[in-house]
Amino acid sequence: MARPRKWRKVCSLPENNFFGPMNCEQFDDMIIMTVDEYETIRLIDYQDFTQEECSQYMKIARTTVQQIYTNARKKIAQSIVDGKVLKIFGGDYQLCDGNEDFCGCRGCHKRQRYKNLDTK
């Protein structure tokens, strides 16, 4: 019996979930990137997390982060090189509820929203 997949902690869903060439009219052959793959790209490439920090934030093993990150980068490359639409959808994730004492994510969208509400 296979071991159940572990939920990956994700700060927030992306504001845009379709990317690709502007002249593309076909959505039949699109590349699907999961939300947890998107999160590893956001944390490692955008927020400058190490893979170790990313694994602690997402509450999964570093080797799992490495695998997810490699898959995500391959999908981005396929989208760019082959001119295919990239859609961010699905995956094994759980959204951050913003209630943890220490979120661990620099720039957590939920924390910023709660902080803004407290200052009003």
PDB file of N, CA and C in Angstrom:
ATOM      1  N   MET A   1       0.841  -1.184   0.000  1.00  0.00           N
ATOM      2  CA  MET A   1       0.000   0.000   0.000  1.00  0.00           C
ATOM      3  C   MET A   1       0.888   1.251   0.000  1.00  0.00           C
ATOM      4  N   ALA A   2       0.595   2.154  -0.877  1.00  0.00           N
ATOM      5  CA  ALA A   2       1.388   3.378  -0.989  1.00  0.00           C
ATOM      6  C   ALA A   2       1.155   4.303   0.203  1.00  0.00           C
ATOM      7  N   ARG A   3       2.207   4.998   0.572  1.00  0.00           N
ATOM      8  CA  ARG A   3       2.113   5.960   1.672  1.00  0.00           C
ATOM      9  C   ARG A   3       1.304   7.169   1.205  1.00  0.00           C
ATOM     10  N   PRO A   4       0.403   7.689   2.056  1.00  0.00           N
ATOM     11  CA  PRO A   4      -0.394   8.857   1.645  1.00  0.00           C
ATOM     12  C   PRO A   4       0.504  10.083   1.455  1.00  0.00           C
ATOM     13  N   ARG A   5       0.140  10.917   0.486  1.00  0.00           N
ATOM     14  CA  ARG A   5       0.921  12.125   0.215  1.00  0.00           C
ATOM     15  C   ARG A   5       0.686  13.153   1.310  1.00  0.00           C
ATOM     16  N   LYS A   6       1.742  13.845   1.660  1.00  0.00           N
ATOM     17  CA  LYS A   6       1.690  14.855   2.711  1.00  0.00           C
ATOM     18  C   LYS A   6       1.229  16.189   2.114  1.00  0.00           C
ATOM     19  N   TRP A   7       0.358  16.893   2.819  1.00  0.00           N
ATOM     20  CA  TRP A   7      -0.087  18.211   2.377  1.00  0.00           C
ATOM     21  C   TRP A   7       1.067  19.183   2.461  1.00  0.00           C
ATOM     22  N   ARG A   8       1.188  20.053   1.471  1.00  0.00           N
ATOM     23  CA  ARG A   8       2.247  21.054   1.449  1.00  0.00           C
ATOM     24  C   ARG A   8       1.648  22.402   1.802  1.00  0.00           C
ATOM     25  N   LYS A   9       2.252  23.096   2.735  1.00  0.00           N
ATOM     26  CA  LYS A   9       1.747  24.402   3.157  1.00  0.00           C
ATOM     27  C   LYS A   9       2.044  25.440   2.078  1.00  0.00           C
ATOM     28  N   VAL A  10       1.026  26.186   1.690  1.00  0.00           N
ATOM     29  CA  VAL A  10       1.132  27.208   0.652  1.00  0.00           C
ATOM     30  C   VAL A  10       0.602  28.513   1.222  1.00  0.00           C
ATOM     31  N   CYS A  11       1.331  29.604   0.990  1.00  0.00           N
ATOM     32  CA  CYS A  11       0.967  30.911   1.531  1.00  0.00           C
ATOM     33  C   CYS A  11      -0.351  31.420   0.951  1.00  0.00           C
ATOM     34  N   SER A  12      -0.454  31.431  -0.367  1.00  0.00           N
ATOM     35  CA  SER A  12      -1.683  31.889  -1.019  1.00  0.00           C
ATOM     36  C   SER A  12      -1.700  31.395  -2.458  1.00  0.00           C
ATOM     37  N   LEU A  13      -2.857  31.414  -3.042  1.00  0.00           N
ATOM     38  CA  LEU A  13      -2.993  31.025  -4.442  1.00  0.00           C
ATOM     39  C   LEU A  13      -2.493  32.159  -5.323  1.00  0.00           C
ATOM     40  N   PRO A  14      -1.965  31.823  -6.496  1.00  0.00           N
ATOM     41  CA  PRO A  14      -1.476  32.893  -7.386  1.00  0.00           C
ATOM     42  C   PRO A  14      -2.624  33.765  -7.879  1.00  0.00           C
ATOM     43  N   GLU A  15      -2.341  35.047  -8.070  1.00  0.00           N
ATOM     44  CA  GLU A  15      -3.366  35.963  -8.577  1.00  0.00           C
ATOM     45  C   GLU A  15      -3.716  35.645 -10.023  1.00  0.00           C
ATOM     46  N   ASN A  16      -2.734  35.195 -10.780  1.00  0.00           N
ATOM     47  CA  ASN A  16      -2.943  34.791 -12.173  1.00  0.00           C
ATOM     48  C   ASN A  16      -2.569  33.326 -12.290  1.00  0.00           C
ATOM     49  N   ASN A  17      -3.400  32.548 -12.967  1.00  0.00           N
ATOM     50  CA  ASN A  17      -3.065  31.130 -13.085  1.00  0.00           C
ATOM     51  C   ASN A  17      -2.941  30.647 -14.527  1.00  0.00           C
ATOM     52  N   PHE A  18      -2.970  31.554 -15.497  1.00  0.00           N
ATOM     53  CA  PHE A  18      -2.719  31.221 -16.903  1.00  0.00           C
ATOM     54  C   PHE A  18      -1.577  32.085 -17.412  1.00  0.00           C
ATOM     55  N   PHE A  19      -0.594  31.457 -18.052  1.00  0.00           N
ATOM     56  CA  PHE A  19       0.538  32.163 -18.632  1.00  0.00           C
ATOM     57  C   PHE A  19       0.853  31.525 -19.971  1.00  0.00           C
ATOM     58  N   GLY A  20       1.309  32.321 -20.898  1.00  0.00           N
ATOM     59  CA  GLY A  20       1.696  31.762 -22.184  1.00  0.00           C
ATOM     60  C   GLY A  20       1.765  32.801 -23.265  1.00  0.00           C
ATOM     61  N   PRO A  21       1.973  32.350 -24.494  1.00  0.00           N
ATOM     62  CA  PRO A  21       2.093  33.278 -25.614  1.00  0.00           C
ATOM     63  C   PRO A  21       0.787  34.025 -25.854  1.00  0.00           C
ATOM     64  N   MET A  22       0.913  35.290 -26.206  1.00  0.00           N
ATOM     65  CA  MET A  22      -0.277  36.115 -26.414  1.00  0.00           C
ATOM     66  C   MET A  22      -1.035  35.723 -27.674  1.00  0.00           C
ATOM     67  N   ASN A  23      -0.359  35.124 -28.640  1.00  0.00           N
ATOM     68  CA  ASN A  23      -1.017  34.755 -29.884  1.00  0.00           C
ATOM     69  C   ASN A  23      -1.576  33.332 -29.852  1.00  0.00           C
ATOM     70  N   CYS A  24      -1.592  32.716 -28.697  1.00  0.00           N
ATOM     71  CA  CYS A  24      -2.056  31.336 -28.578  1.00  0.00           C
ATOM     72  C   CYS A  24      -3.577  31.303 -28.475  1.00  0.00           C
ATOM     73  N   GLU A  25      -4.179  30.543 -29.368  1.00  0.00           N
ATOM     74  CA  GLU A  25      -5.638  30.389 -29.340  1.00  0.00           C
ATOM     75  C   GLU A  25      -6.039  28.992 -28.904  1.00  0.00           C
ATOM     76  N   GLN A  26      -5.075  28.075 -28.818  1.00  0.00           N
ATOM     77  CA  GLN A  26      -5.379  26.708 -28.427  1.00  0.00           C
ATOM     78  C   GLN A  26      -5.007  26.484 -26.971  1.00  0.00           C
ATOM     79  N   PHE A  27      -5.960  25.971 -26.236  1.00  0.00           N
ATOM     80  CA  PHE A  27      -5.719  25.637 -24.839  1.00  0.00           C
ATOM     81  C   PHE A  27      -5.786  24.131 -24.627  1.00  0.00           C
ATOM     82  N   ASP A  28      -5.781  23.383 -25.738  1.00  0.00           N
ATOM     83  CA  ASP A  28      -5.877  21.927 -25.647  1.00  0.00           C
ATOM     84  C   ASP A  28      -4.598  21.303 -25.093  1.00  0.00           C
ATOM     85  N   ASP A  29      -3.461  21.832 -25.507  1.00  0.00           N
ATOM     86  CA  ASP A  29      -2.177  21.239 -25.168  1.00  0.00           C
ATOM     87  C   ASP A  29      -1.439  22.096 -24.143  1.00  0.00           C
ATOM     88  N   MET A  30      -2.089  22.377 -23.024  1.00  0.00           N
ATOM     89  CA  MET A  30      -1.455  23.233 -22.019  1.00  0.00           C
ATOM     90  C   MET A  30      -0.678  22.406 -21.006  1.00  0.00           C
ATOM     91  N   ILE A  31       0.234  23.069 -20.341  1.00  0.00           N
ATOM     92  CA  ILE A  31       1.056  22.450 -19.306  1.00  0.00           C
ATOM     93  C   ILE A  31       0.441  22.813 -17.961  1.00  0.00           C
ATOM     94  N   ILE A  32       0.233  21.811 -17.123  1.00  0.00           N
ATOM     95  CA  ILE A  32      -0.352  22.036 -15.796  1.00  0.00           C
ATOM     96  C   ILE A  32       0.759  22.045 -14.752  1.00  0.00           C
ATOM     97  N   MET A  33       0.854  23.156 -14.025  1.00  0.00           N
ATOM     98  CA  MET A  33       1.760  23.276 -12.885  1.00  0.00           C
ATOM     99  C   MET A  33       0.899  23.277 -11.635  1.00  0.00           C
ATOM    100  N   THR A  34       1.239  22.445 -10.665  1.00  0.00           N
ATOM    101  CA  THR A  34       0.442  22.392  -9.444  1.00  0.00           C
ATOM    102  C   THR A  34       0.745  23.606  -8.565  1.00  0.00           C
ATOM    103  N   VAL A  35      -0.149  23.890  -7.651  1.00  0.00           N
ATOM    104  CA  VAL A  35       0.011  25.041  -6.751  1.00  0.00           C
ATOM    105  C   VAL A  35       1.257  24.867  -5.885  1.00  0.00           C
ATOM    106  N   ASP A  36       1.555  23.648  -5.455  1.00  0.00           N
ATOM    107  CA  ASP A  36       2.757  23.444  -4.645  1.00  0.00           C
ATOM    108  C   ASP A  36       4.029  23.624  -5.479  1.00  0.00           C
ATOM    109  N   GLU A  37       3.990  23.315  -6.770  1.00  0.00           N
ATOM    110  CA  GLU A  37       5.133  23.604  -7.641  1.00  0.00           C
ATOM    111  C   GLU A  37       5.308  25.116  -7.773  1.00  0.00           C
ATOM    112  N   TYR A  38       4.211  25.816  -7.965  1.00  0.00           N
ATOM    113  CA  TYR A  38       4.253  27.288  -8.023  1.00  0.00           C
ATOM    114  C   TYR A  38       4.854  27.859  -6.737  1.00  0.00           C
ATOM    115  N   GLU A  39       4.461  27.315  -5.600  1.00  0.00           N
ATOM    116  CA  GLU A  39       4.937  27.823  -4.310  1.00  0.00           C
ATOM    117  C   GLU A  39       6.439  27.641  -4.156  1.00  0.00           C
ATOM    118  N   THR A  40       6.981  26.517  -4.632  1.00  0.00           N
ATOM    119  CA  THR A  40       8.435  26.333  -4.535  1.00  0.00           C
ATOM    120  C   THR A  40       9.164  27.354  -5.408  1.00  0.00           C
ATOM    121  N   ILE A  41       8.642  27.641  -6.588  1.00  0.00           N
ATOM    122  CA  ILE A  41       9.238  28.653  -7.453  1.00  0.00           C
ATOM    123  C   ILE A  41       9.171  30.022  -6.774  1.00  0.00           C
ATOM    124  N   ARG A  42       8.020  30.332  -6.177  1.00  0.00           N
ATOM    125  CA  ARG A  42       7.844  31.624  -5.508  1.00  0.00           C
ATOM    126  C   ARG A  42       8.818  31.761  -4.335  1.00  0.00           C
ATOM    127  N   LEU A  43       8.917  30.726  -3.522  1.00  0.00           N
ATOM    128  CA  LEU A  43       9.766  30.801  -2.335  1.00  0.00           C
ATOM    129  C   LEU A  43      11.256  30.803  -2.688  1.00  0.00           C
ATOM    130  N   ILE A  44      11.672  29.914  -3.572  1.00  0.00           N
ATOM    131  CA  ILE A  44      13.099  29.773  -3.866  1.00  0.00           C
ATOM    132  C   ILE A  44      13.590  30.862  -4.812  1.00  0.00           C
ATOM    133  N   ASP A  45      12.894  31.080  -5.916  1.00  0.00           N
ATOM    134  CA  ASP A  45      13.386  32.032  -6.918  1.00  0.00           C
ATOM    135  C   ASP A  45      12.969  33.475  -6.640  1.00  0.00           C
ATOM    136  N   TYR A  46      11.810  33.689  -6.056  1.00  0.00           N
ATOM    137  CA  TYR A  46      11.311  35.046  -5.851  1.00  0.00           C
ATOM    138  C   TYR A  46      11.630  35.564  -4.447  1.00  0.00           C
ATOM    139  N   GLN A  47      11.421  34.722  -3.443  1.00  0.00           N
ATOM    140  CA  GLN A  47      11.668  35.135  -2.052  1.00  0.00           C
ATOM    141  C   GLN A  47      13.089  34.800  -1.572  1.00  0.00           C
ATOM    142  N   ASP A  48      13.888  34.157  -2.418  1.00  0.00           N
ATOM    143  CA  ASP A  48      15.283  33.803  -2.101  1.00  0.00           C
ATOM    144  C   ASP A  48      15.428  32.850  -0.917  1.00  0.00           C
ATOM    145  N   PHE A  49      14.471  31.942  -0.741  1.00  0.00           N
ATOM    146  CA  PHE A  49      14.603  30.904   0.270  1.00  0.00           C
ATOM    147  C   PHE A  49      15.622  29.882  -0.226  1.00  0.00           C
ATOM    148  N   THR A  50      16.316  29.230   0.690  1.00  0.00           N
ATOM    149  CA  THR A  50      17.091  28.046   0.323  1.00  0.00           C
ATOM    150  C   THR A  50      16.101  26.885   0.248  1.00  0.00           C
ATOM    151  N   GLN A  51      16.557  25.768  -0.309  1.00  0.00           N
ATOM    152  CA  GLN A  51      15.668  24.599  -0.348  1.00  0.00           C
ATOM    153  C   GLN A  51      15.338  24.132   1.069  1.00  0.00           C
ATOM    154  N   GLU A  52      16.290  24.276   1.979  1.00  0.00           N
ATOM    155  CA  GLU A  52      16.055  23.893   3.378  1.00  0.00           C
ATOM    156  C   GLU A  52      14.985  24.778   4.018  1.00  0.00           C
ATOM    157  N   GLU A  53      15.090  26.090   3.821  1.00  0.00           N
ATOM    158  CA  GLU A  53      14.078  27.009   4.363  1.00  0.00           C
ATOM    159  C   GLU A  53      12.715  26.743   3.739  1.00  0.00           C
ATOM    160  N   CYS A  54      12.712  26.479   2.449  1.00  0.00           N
ATOM    161  CA  CYS A  54      11.458  26.178   1.742  1.00  0.00           C
ATOM    162  C   CYS A  54      10.820  24.918   2.316  1.00  0.00           C
ATOM    163  N   SER A  55      11.619  23.905   2.579  1.00  0.00           N
ATOM    164  CA  SER A  55      11.081  22.653   3.119  1.00  0.00           C
ATOM    165  C   SER A  55      10.501  22.860   4.523  1.00  0.00           C
ATOM    166  N   GLN A  56      11.164  23.689   5.331  1.00  0.00           N
ATOM    167  CA  GLN A  56      10.647  23.969   6.666  1.00  0.00           C
ATOM    168  C   GLN A  56       9.333  24.730   6.585  1.00  0.00           C
ATOM    169  N   TYR A  57       9.262  25.701   5.673  1.00  0.00           N
ATOM    170  CA  TYR A  57       8.037  26.476   5.514  1.00  0.00           C
ATOM    171  C   TYR A  57       6.882  25.602   5.022  1.00  0.00           C
ATOM    172  N   MET A  58       7.152  24.784   4.010  1.00  0.00           N
ATOM    173  CA  MET A  58       6.094  23.971   3.405  1.00  0.00           C
ATOM    174  C   MET A  58       5.793  22.714   4.218  1.00  0.00           C
ATOM    175  N   LYS A  59       6.625  22.442   5.237  1.00  0.00           N
ATOM    176  CA  LYS A  59       6.458  21.302   6.138  1.00  0.00           C
ATOM    177  C   LYS A  59       6.582  19.969   5.395  1.00  0.00           C
ATOM    178  N   ILE A  60       7.606  19.902   4.539  1.00  0.00           N
ATOM    179  CA  ILE A  60       7.920  18.673   3.815  1.00  0.00           C
ATOM    180  C   ILE A  60       9.444  18.502   3.793  1.00  0.00           C
ATOM    181  N   ALA A  61       9.911  17.335   3.376  1.00  0.00           N
ATOM    182  CA  ALA A  61      11.343  17.050   3.340  1.00  0.00           C
ATOM    183  C   ALA A  61      12.048  17.881   2.268  1.00  0.00           C
ATOM    184  N   ARG A  62      13.322  18.185   2.505  1.00  0.00           N
ATOM    185  CA  ARG A  62      14.094  18.945   1.540  1.00  0.00           C
ATOM    186  C   ARG A  62      14.200  18.214   0.205  1.00  0.00           C
ATOM    187  N   THR A  63      14.324  16.894   0.244  1.00  0.00           N
ATOM    188  CA  THR A  63      14.394  16.127  -0.998  1.00  0.00           C
ATOM    189  C   THR A  63      13.098  16.233  -1.795  1.00  0.00           C
ATOM    190  N   THR A  64      11.980  16.335  -1.095  1.00  0.00           N
ATOM    191  CA  THR A  64      10.686  16.520  -1.763  1.00  0.00           C
ATOM    192  C   THR A  64      10.635  17.896  -2.416  1.00  0.00           C
ATOM    193  N   VAL A  65      11.115  18.917  -1.713  1.00  0.00           N
ATOM    194  CA  VAL A  65      11.175  20.270  -2.276  1.00  0.00           C
ATOM    195  C   VAL A  65      12.029  20.260  -3.532  1.00  0.00           C
ATOM    196  N   GLN A  66      13.174  19.596  -3.483  1.00  0.00           N
ATOM    197  CA  GLN A  66      14.065  19.540  -4.631  1.00  0.00           C
ATOM    198  C   GLN A  66      13.365  18.912  -5.835  1.00  0.00           C
ATOM    199  N   GLN A  67      12.626  17.845  -5.598  1.00  0.00           N
ATOM    200  CA  GLN A  67      11.898  17.165  -6.675  1.00  0.00           C
ATOM    201  C   GLN A  67      10.791  18.055  -7.245  1.00  0.00           C
ATOM    202  N   ILE A  68      10.018  18.696  -6.373  1.00  0.00           N
ATOM    203  CA  ILE A  68       8.932  19.587  -6.804  1.00  0.00           C
ATOM    204  C   ILE A  68       9.504  20.757  -7.595  1.00  0.00           C
ATOM    205  N   TYR A  69      10.594  21.335  -7.094  1.00  0.00           N
ATOM    206  CA  TYR A  69      11.233  22.488  -7.730  1.00  0.00           C
ATOM    207  C   TYR A  69      11.763  22.135  -9.122  1.00  0.00           C
ATOM    208  N   THR A  70      12.388  20.975  -9.244  1.00  0.00           N
ATOM    209  CA  THR A  70      12.904  20.514 -10.536  1.00  0.00           C
ATOM    210  C   THR A  70      11.766  20.339 -11.536  1.00  0.00           C
ATOM    211  N   ASN A  71      10.671  19.727 -11.104  1.00  0.00           N
ATOM    212  CA  ASN A  71       9.503  19.539 -11.978  1.00  0.00           C
ATOM    213  C   ASN A  71       8.922  20.888 -12.412  1.00  0.00           C
ATOM    214  N   ALA A  72       8.831  21.823 -11.480  1.00  0.00           N
ATOM    215  CA  ALA A  72       8.262  23.143 -11.784  1.00  0.00           C
ATOM    216  C   ALA A  72       9.114  23.882 -12.813  1.00  0.00           C
ATOM    217  N   ARG A  73      10.420  23.864 -12.646  1.00  0.00           N
ATOM    218  CA  ARG A  73      11.308  24.553 -13.591  1.00  0.00           C
ATOM    219  C   ARG A  73      11.243  23.925 -14.975  1.00  0.00           C
ATOM    220  N   LYS A  74      11.112  22.612 -15.030  1.00  0.00           N
ATOM    221  CA  LYS A  74      10.990  21.927 -16.323  1.00  0.00           C
ATOM    222  C   LYS A  74       9.712  22.376 -17.029  1.00  0.00           C
ATOM    223  N   LYS A  75       8.626  22.511 -16.286  1.00  0.00           N
ATOM    224  CA  LYS A  75       7.345  22.935 -16.869  1.00  0.00           C
ATOM    225  C   LYS A  75       7.424  24.374 -17.378  1.00  0.00           C
ATOM    226  N   ILE A  76       8.097  25.234 -16.645  1.00  0.00           N
ATOM    227  CA  ILE A  76       8.272  26.621 -17.090  1.00  0.00           C
ATOM    228  C   ILE A  76       9.080  26.645 -18.390  1.00  0.00           C
ATOM    229  N   ALA A  77      10.144  25.861 -18.427  1.00  0.00           N
ATOM    230  CA  ALA A  77      10.976  25.799 -19.634  1.00  0.00           C
ATOM    231  C   ALA A  77      10.180  25.274 -20.822  1.00  0.00           C
ATOM    232  N   GLN A  78       9.368  24.231 -20.611  1.00  0.00           N
ATOM    233  CA  GLN A  78       8.541  23.688 -21.695  1.00  0.00           C
ATOM    234  C   GLN A  78       7.582  24.743 -22.223  1.00  0.00           C
ATOM    235  N   SER A  79       6.991  25.493 -21.331  1.00  0.00           N
ATOM    236  CA  SER A  79       6.042  26.529 -21.720  1.00  0.00           C
ATOM    237  C   SER A  79       6.718  27.587 -22.578  1.00  0.00           C
ATOM    238  N   ILE A  80       7.900  28.017 -22.163  1.00  0.00           N
ATOM    239  CA  ILE A  80       8.613  29.067 -22.893  1.00  0.00           C
ATOM    240  C   ILE A  80       9.146  28.548 -24.229  1.00  0.00           C
ATOM    241  N   VAL A  81       9.826  27.411 -24.210  1.00  0.00           N
ATOM    242  CA  VAL A  81      10.475  26.888 -25.405  1.00  0.00           C
ATOM    243  C   VAL A  81       9.457  26.413 -26.446  1.00  0.00           C
ATOM    244  N   ASP A  82       8.433  25.702 -25.988  1.00  0.00           N
ATOM    245  CA  ASP A  82       7.442  25.147 -26.916  1.00  0.00           C
ATOM    246  C   ASP A  82       6.281  26.092 -27.188  1.00  0.00           C
ATOM    247  N   GLY A  83       6.235  27.238 -26.499  1.00  0.00           N
ATOM    248  CA  GLY A  83       5.164  28.205 -26.716  1.00  0.00           C
ATOM    249  C   GLY A  83       3.808  27.689 -26.293  1.00  0.00           C
ATOM    250  N   LYS A  84       3.766  26.984 -25.170  1.00  0.00           N
ATOM    251  CA  LYS A  84       2.507  26.413 -24.673  1.00  0.00           C
ATOM    252  C   LYS A  84       1.998  27.207 -23.476  1.00  0.00           C
ATOM    253  N   VAL A  85       0.702  27.159 -23.280  1.00  0.00           N
ATOM    254  CA  VAL A  85       0.070  27.816 -22.142  1.00  0.00           C
ATOM    255  C   VAL A  85       0.390  27.033 -20.873  1.00  0.00           C
ATOM    256  N   LEU A  86       0.711  27.756 -19.807  1.00  0.00           N
ATOM    257  CA  LEU A  86       0.982  27.169 -18.499  1.00  0.00           C
ATOM    258  C   LEU A  86      -0.181  27.525 -17.585  1.00  0.00           C
ATOM    259  N   LYS A  87      -0.804  26.515 -17.005  1.00  0.00           N
ATOM    260  CA  LYS A  87      -1.922  26.735 -16.084  1.00  0.00           C
ATOM    261  C   LYS A  87      -1.520  26.224 -14.703  1.00  0.00           C
ATOM    262  N   ILE A  88      -1.741  27.042 -13.686  1.00  0.00           N
ATOM    263  CA  ILE A  88      -1.455  26.641 -12.301  1.00  0.00           C
ATOM    264  C   ILE A  88      -2.760  26.166 -11.684  1.00  0.00           C
ATOM    265  N   PHE A  89      -2.753  24.892 -11.280  1.00  0.00           N
ATOM    266  CA  PHE A  89      -4.004  24.277 -10.828  1.00  0.00           C
ATOM    267  C   PHE A  89      -3.704  22.996 -10.056  1.00  0.00           C
ATOM    268  N   GLY A  90      -4.447  22.767  -8.977  1.00  0.00           N
ATOM    269  CA  GLY A  90      -4.411  21.485  -8.272  1.00  0.00           C
ATOM    270  C   GLY A  90      -3.161  21.248  -7.455  1.00  0.00           C
ATOM    271  N   GLY A  91      -2.978  20.022  -7.031  1.00  0.00           N
ATOM    272  CA  GLY A  91      -1.830  19.626  -6.217  1.00  0.00           C
ATOM    273  C   GLY A  91      -2.245  19.258  -4.808  1.00  0.00           C
ATOM    274  N   ASP A  92      -1.266  18.849  -4.033  1.00  0.00           N
ATOM    275  CA  ASP A  92      -1.495  18.445  -2.639  1.00  0.00           C
ATOM    276  C   ASP A  92      -1.037  19.574  -1.726  1.00  0.00           C
ATOM    277  N   TYR A  93      -1.918  20.521  -1.473  1.00  0.00           N
ATOM    278  CA  TYR A  93      -1.524  21.685  -0.688  1.00  0.00           C
ATOM    279  C   TYR A  93      -2.621  22.066   0.299  1.00  0.00           C
ATOM    280  N   GLN A  94      -2.194  22.824   1.302  1.00  0.00           N
ATOM    281  CA  GLN A  94      -3.115  23.387   2.281  1.00  0.00           C
ATOM    282  C   GLN A  94      -2.736  24.855   2.446  1.00  0.00           C
ATOM    283  N   LEU A  95      -3.707  25.751   2.281  1.00  0.00           N
ATOM    284  CA  LEU A  95      -3.435  27.179   2.373  1.00  0.00           C
ATOM    285  C   LEU A  95      -3.114  27.597   3.800  1.00  0.00           C
ATOM    286  N   CYS A  96      -2.160  28.511   3.933  1.00  0.00           N
ATOM    287  CA  CYS A  96      -1.799  29.095   5.214  1.00  0.00           C
ATOM    288  C   CYS A  96      -3.018  29.845   5.750  1.00  0.00           C
ATOM    289  N   ASP A  97      -3.348  29.626   7.002  1.00  0.00           N
ATOM    290  CA  ASP A  97      -4.517  30.310   7.572  1.00  0.00           C
ATOM    291  C   ASP A  97      -4.140  31.618   8.249  1.00  0.00           C
ATOM    292  N   GLY A  98      -2.816  31.908   8.342  1.00  0.00           N
ATOM    293  CA  GLY A  98      -2.360  33.165   8.938  1.00  0.00           C
ATOM    294  C   GLY A  98      -2.439  33.184  10.445  1.00  0.00           C
ATOM    295  N   ASN A  99      -2.779  32.059  11.074  1.00  0.00           N
ATOM    296  CA  ASN A  99      -2.942  32.018  12.529  1.00  0.00           C
ATOM    297  C   ASN A  99      -1.738  31.451  13.264  1.00  0.00           C
ATOM    298  N   GLU A 100      -0.711  31.018  12.541  1.00  0.00           N
ATOM    299  CA  GLU A 100       0.463  30.474  13.204  1.00  0.00           C
ATOM    300  C   GLU A 100       1.244  31.602  13.874  1.00  0.00           C
ATOM    301  N   ASP A 101       1.929  31.278  14.984  1.00  0.00           N
ATOM    302  CA  ASP A 101       2.745  32.274  15.670  1.00  0.00           C
ATOM    303  C   ASP A 101       3.846  32.785  14.745  1.00  0.00           C
ATOM    304  N   PHE A 102       4.464  31.883  14.024  1.00  0.00           N
ATOM    305  CA  PHE A 102       5.511  32.269  13.084  1.00  0.00           C
ATOM    306  C   PHE A 102       5.220  31.598  11.760  1.00  0.00           C
ATOM    307  N   CYS A 103       4.851  32.397  10.791  1.00  0.00           N
ATOM    308  CA  CYS A 103       4.492  31.871   9.476  1.00  0.00           C
ATOM    309  C   CYS A 103       5.728  31.357   8.750  1.00  0.00           C
ATOM    310  N   GLY A 104       6.831  32.083   8.808  1.00  0.00           N
ATOM    311  CA  GLY A 104       8.052  31.659   8.151  1.00  0.00           C
ATOM    312  C   GLY A 104       8.198  32.145   6.732  1.00  0.00           C
ATOM    313  N   CYS A 105       7.163  32.746   6.197  1.00  0.00           N
ATOM    314  CA  CYS A 105       7.218  33.218   4.808  1.00  0.00           C
ATOM    315  C   CYS A 105       7.376  34.729   4.801  1.00  0.00           C
ATOM    316  N   ARG A 106       8.479  35.189   4.263  1.00  0.00           N
ATOM    317  CA  ARG A 106       8.670  36.631   4.120  1.00  0.00           C
ATOM    318  C   ARG A 106       7.639  37.147   3.129  1.00  0.00           C
ATOM    319  N   GLY A 107       6.826  38.069   3.557  1.00  0.00           N
ATOM    320  CA  GLY A 107       5.844  38.634   2.641  1.00  0.00           C
ATOM    321  C   GLY A 107       4.577  37.815   2.530  1.00  0.00           C
ATOM    322  N   CYS A 108       4.212  37.084   3.575  1.00  0.00           N
ATOM    323  CA  CYS A 108       2.998  36.265   3.556  1.00  0.00           C
ATOM    324  C   CYS A 108       1.789  37.160   3.281  1.00  0.00           C
ATOM    325  N   HIS A 109       1.046  36.834   2.253  1.00  0.00           N
ATOM    326  CA  HIS A 109      -0.111  37.635   1.860  1.00  0.00           C
ATOM    327  C   HIS A 109      -1.168  37.705   2.965  1.00  0.00           C
ATOM    328  N   LYS A 110      -1.410  36.589   3.634  1.00  0.00           N
ATOM    329  CA  LYS A 110      -2.427  36.573   4.687  1.00  0.00           C
ATOM    330  C   LYS A 110      -1.986  37.421   5.876  1.00  0.00           C
ATOM    331  N   ARG A 111      -0.712  37.303   6.272  1.00  0.00           N
ATOM    332  CA  ARG A 111      -0.198  38.093   7.397  1.00  0.00           C
ATOM    333  C   ARG A 111      -0.268  39.577   7.089  1.00  0.00           C
ATOM    334  N   GLN A 112       0.083  39.983   5.868  1.00  0.00           N
ATOM    335  CA  GLN A 112       0.033  41.392   5.496  1.00  0.00           C
ATOM    336  C   GLN A 112      -1.395  41.904   5.548  1.00  0.00           C
ATOM    337  N   ARG A 113      -2.342  41.093   5.109  1.00  0.00           N
ATOM    338  CA  ARG A 113      -3.746  41.505   5.124  1.00  0.00           C
ATOM    339  C   ARG A 113      -4.221  41.678   6.564  1.00  0.00           C
ATOM    340  N   TYR A 114      -3.867  40.720   7.469  1.00  0.00           N
ATOM    341  CA  TYR A 114      -4.268  40.838   8.868  1.00  0.00           C
ATOM    342  C   TYR A 114      -3.606  42.040   9.516  1.00  0.00           C
ATOM    343  N   LYS A 115      -2.331  42.288   9.173  1.00  0.00           N
ATOM    344  CA  LYS A 115      -1.612  43.429   9.739  1.00  0.00           C
ATOM    345  C   LYS A 115      -2.251  44.731   9.313  1.00  0.00           C
ATOM    346  N   ASN A 116      -2.666  44.830   8.035  1.00  0.00           N
ATOM    347  CA  ASN A 116      -3.321  46.024   7.522  1.00  0.00           C
ATOM    348  C   ASN A 116      -4.665  46.258   8.210  1.00  0.00           C
ATOM    349  N   LEU A 117      -5.379  45.186   8.519  1.00  0.00           N
ATOM    350  CA  LEU A 117      -6.675  45.326   9.197  1.00  0.00           C
ATOM    351  C   LEU A 117      -6.477  45.811  10.632  1.00  0.00           C
ATOM    352  N   ASP A 118      -5.372  45.358  11.280  1.00  0.00           N
ATOM    353  CA  ASP A 118      -5.110  45.776  12.664  1.00  0.00           C
ATOM    354  C   ASP A 118      -4.744  47.246  12.759  1.00  0.00           C
ATOM    355  N   THR A 119      -4.147  47.824  11.730  1.00  0.00           N
ATOM    356  CA  THR A 119      -3.704  49.209  11.785  1.00  0.00           C
ATOM    357  C   THR A 119      -4.809  50.191  11.411  1.00  0.00           C
ATOM    358  N   LYS A 120      -5.915  49.698  10.923  1.00  0.00           N
ATOM    359  CA  LYS A 120      -7.019  50.607  10.523  1.00  0.00           C
ATOM    360  C   LYS A 120      -7.880  50.980  11.688  1.00  0.00           C
TER     361      LYS A 120
END
